[in-house]
């Protein structure tokens, strides 16, 4: 069982930065893949970035060069550093963990980028 809690969302102006955190319970280092997803109003949830336990990362084209995903095993925490934010980044951001083939989701944190 994995329990995920996101934090760090808020209101920021375009061009600004935020860092999201996802605190995970359970055996964090055993979680093969963790990722950030987002869902804007009226749209489907979409992948933002993923990070494997082996250190591989993957990003959506829309965030490449602006966002950085990282894992800190000592703190059981996944991060998403978001720079050069745009109004179209406005969404609820969710943390996801895949543990022994089971997907776990957090409840999300809202990011609002004003123009």
Protein backbone atom coordinates (compact mmCIF):
# COMPACT_ATOMS: atom_id res chain seq x y z
CA UNK A 1 0.00 0.00 0.00
CA UNK A 2 1.25 3.48 -0.89
CA UNK A 3 -0.21 6.73 0.36
CA UNK A 4 0.65 9.94 -1.51
CA UNK A 5 0.20 13.55 -0.38
CA UNK A 6 0.95 16.46 -2.69
CA UNK A 7 1.80 19.99 -1.60
CA UNK A 8 3.30 23.19 -2.96
CA UNK A 9 0.58 24.38 -5.29
CA UNK A 10 -0.66 27.95 -5.34
CA UNK A 11 -1.13 31.11 -7.36
CA UNK A 12 1.82 32.45 -9.31
CA UNK A 13 2.30 34.97 -12.08
CA UNK A 14 3.36 33.93 -15.55
CA UNK A 15 7.13 33.50 -15.68
CA UNK A 16 7.29 32.51 -12.03
CA UNK A 17 8.29 29.26 -10.36
CA UNK A 18 6.81 26.70 -7.98
CA UNK A 19 8.07 23.46 -6.51
CA UNK A 20 5.60 20.67 -5.90
CA UNK A 21 6.27 17.90 -3.42
CA UNK A 22 4.74 14.44 -3.11
CA UNK A 23 5.32 12.68 0.19
CA UNK A 24 4.96 8.92 -0.05
CA UNK A 25 4.41 6.30 2.61
CA UNK A 26 5.63 2.76 2.24
CA UNK A 27 8.83 1.51 0.65
CA UNK A 28 9.64 4.52 -1.49
CA UNK A 29 12.80 3.16 -3.05
CA UNK A 30 10.87 0.07 -4.19
CA UNK A 31 8.39 2.14 -6.14
CA UNK A 32 9.50 1.59 -9.72
CA UNK A 33 7.86 4.55 -11.41
CA UNK A 34 6.59 7.79 -9.96
CA UNK A 35 5.15 10.63 -11.91
CA UNK A 36 3.33 13.91 -12.05
CA UNK A 37 0.14 14.33 -14.03
CA UNK A 38 -2.15 17.32 -14.41
CA UNK A 39 -5.76 17.97 -15.24
CA UNK A 40 -6.98 21.33 -16.42
CA UNK A 41 -10.67 22.28 -16.17
CA UNK A 42 -12.69 20.48 -18.80
CA UNK A 43 -9.72 18.46 -20.02
CA UNK A 44 -8.42 14.95 -19.52
CA UNK A 45 -5.61 14.15 -17.12
CA UNK A 46 -2.25 14.18 -18.90
CA UNK A 47 1.28 13.12 -18.19
CA UNK A 48 3.71 15.82 -17.09
CA UNK A 49 6.81 13.85 -16.10
CA UNK A 50 7.93 10.49 -14.75
CA UNK A 51 10.98 9.24 -12.87
CA UNK A 52 12.03 5.64 -12.36
CA UNK A 53 13.87 4.15 -9.41
CA UNK A 54 16.81 3.70 -11.76
CA UNK A 55 17.04 7.43 -12.43
CA UNK A 56 15.43 7.67 -15.86
CA UNK A 57 13.13 10.62 -16.48
CA UNK A 58 10.57 11.46 -19.12
CA UNK A 59 8.76 14.72 -19.85
CA UNK A 60 5.82 15.89 -21.86
CA UNK A 61 6.92 18.06 -24.76
CA UNK A 62 4.99 21.01 -23.36
CA UNK A 63 7.15 21.14 -20.21
CA UNK A 64 10.57 20.09 -21.48
CA UNK A 65 13.24 22.59 -20.50
CA UNK A 66 10.97 24.24 -17.92
CA UNK A 67 10.07 21.48 -15.44
CA UNK A 68 12.37 19.09 -13.58
CA UNK A 69 11.26 15.93 -11.79
CA UNK A 70 13.37 14.43 -9.03
CA UNK A 71 13.16 11.79 -6.32
CA UNK A 72 14.72 11.99 -2.87
CA UNK A 73 14.70 8.50 -1.41
CA UNK A 74 15.96 9.62 2.01
CA UNK A 75 12.83 11.76 2.42
CA UNK A 76 10.41 9.48 0.55
CA UNK A 77 9.55 12.48 -1.59
CA UNK A 78 9.01 13.22 -5.26
CA UNK A 79 9.47 16.78 -6.50
CA UNK A 80 8.48 18.80 -9.53
CA UNK A 81 10.37 22.04 -10.02
CA UNK A 82 8.37 24.24 -12.37
CA UNK A 83 10.01 27.30 -13.91
CA UNK A 84 8.88 29.80 -16.54
CA UNK A 85 5.28 28.99 -15.76
CA UNK A 86 2.60 29.82 -18.32
CA UNK A 87 -1.15 30.33 -17.90
CA UNK A 88 -1.69 27.06 -19.78
CA UNK A 89 0.10 25.24 -16.95
CA UNK A 90 -2.90 25.97 -14.74
CA UNK A 91 -4.27 22.65 -13.52
CA UNK A 92 -4.60 20.29 -10.61
CA UNK A 93 -1.34 18.38 -10.36
CA UNK A 94 -1.43 14.77 -9.21
CA UNK A 95 1.30 12.46 -8.01
CA UNK A 96 1.19 8.83 -9.14
CA UNK A 97 3.14 5.80 -7.97
CA UNK A 98 3.28 2.38 -9.57
CA UNK A 99 4.11 -0.28 -6.97
CA UNK A 100 4.11 -3.95 -7.93
CA UNK A 101 1.89 -3.14 -10.87
CA UNK A 102 -0.70 -1.22 -8.84
CA UNK A 103 -1.24 2.48 -9.49
CA UNK A 104 -1.71 4.85 -6.57
CA UNK A 105 -2.77 8.50 -6.82
CA UNK A 106 -2.65 11.45 -4.50
CA UNK A 107 -5.55 13.88 -4.16
CA UNK A 108 -3.82 16.64 -6.10
CA UNK A 109 -2.65 20.20 -5.58
CA UNK A 110 -3.93 23.19 -7.55
CA UNK A 111 -1.55 25.36 -9.55
CA UNK A 112 -2.92 28.60 -10.95
CA UNK A 113 -0.79 30.75 -13.25
CA UNK A 114 -2.06 34.26 -13.89
CA UNK A 115 -1.22 36.24 -17.02
